[in-house]
């Protein structure tokens, strides 16, 4: 490709577009559904209940410790399907590329997406590419949509939450948000901060195959664990208490949050689930989760109880209780 950078002509629909699609995307995502390169893919149909999701990803920088925007886009879509109890099957992707973006970086992103999709057992089957003039974008934006197949008869929804339920966190909090902030170099953060971005569908399917009853499940992305818990409490009409001493927190994240004045429970994650389930299922669920590489730090972190105000509380290490409110603004710059 001329000069090995994205040019406006790559988005014009002509030969440059064809070459871009052939060299980068068709090569990275090769599979029978995509190889015909029609305007849409004809998908094998099975008489199953399907789940579909979509999201758009912007992050600065595009590459950060533990991942990049491509892995983020695929894992985010896979996890949105997983928390509904669906096994991801098909993914579409749309790229908005800025003129001047390095082809080598686009190749890395496409490869990262393919690896994440393969790990999740999903296939990228269709997509679209547009190019905007220089300074009219931010390198690359990615939109993804995903289709998944429900493999369980369970209804997984906040409306299923009941007083007495247990709250499980499947990993340590705040890793993604702090890794991205660190990669920006704005605050001089040092240390082993690394994003937790990962496809969690396999871990969820392990729970469902074992017959674990799950009332609600969410991936704690923007807004972090505290925001997810507030959304669940409000929808279910309950209150939730989280035990501070039980929340998994790496030393690197703890130190960074102390320096920056952030509450790690509001920091974004990309490989962490909040699971609400009957208390009697807790130990079996933890045993399964801890046997998975993305659930090795899973903990029983809190309980659901009935209160009129439908709040989320943090029981502190010294035994006091404070509210974890829903924040009206973003604690951090946009990172996902």
Foldseek 3Di string as FASTA:
>chain_A
DVVQWDAQVCAVPDDNVVCLCVPAVCVLQPDPQAVVPDQHGDDDDDPFDKDKDKDKDDAPPQDFFAGGRLLLQQQVQLQVQLQQQFQWAEKEKEKEAETGQGNVVSNVSSNSNSVQCVVSNYGYRYYYYHYDYHPPDNGMMMMMMIMTGHPAPAGADLQQFDFQWFKKKQAAFQLQQVRRVVVVVPPVQDDDRHALAHRCNVLSVLCVVVVAHFHYKDAQFQQAQLQVLLVSLVVNQWEKEFEPVLHHHDPSRVVVCVVVVHDRRRHGHNLMMITIGRPVRPVVSLVSSCVDPSRVSMTRTIGIHHDRVSFYWYQYPVGDIDTSDRDPDGPDPDGD
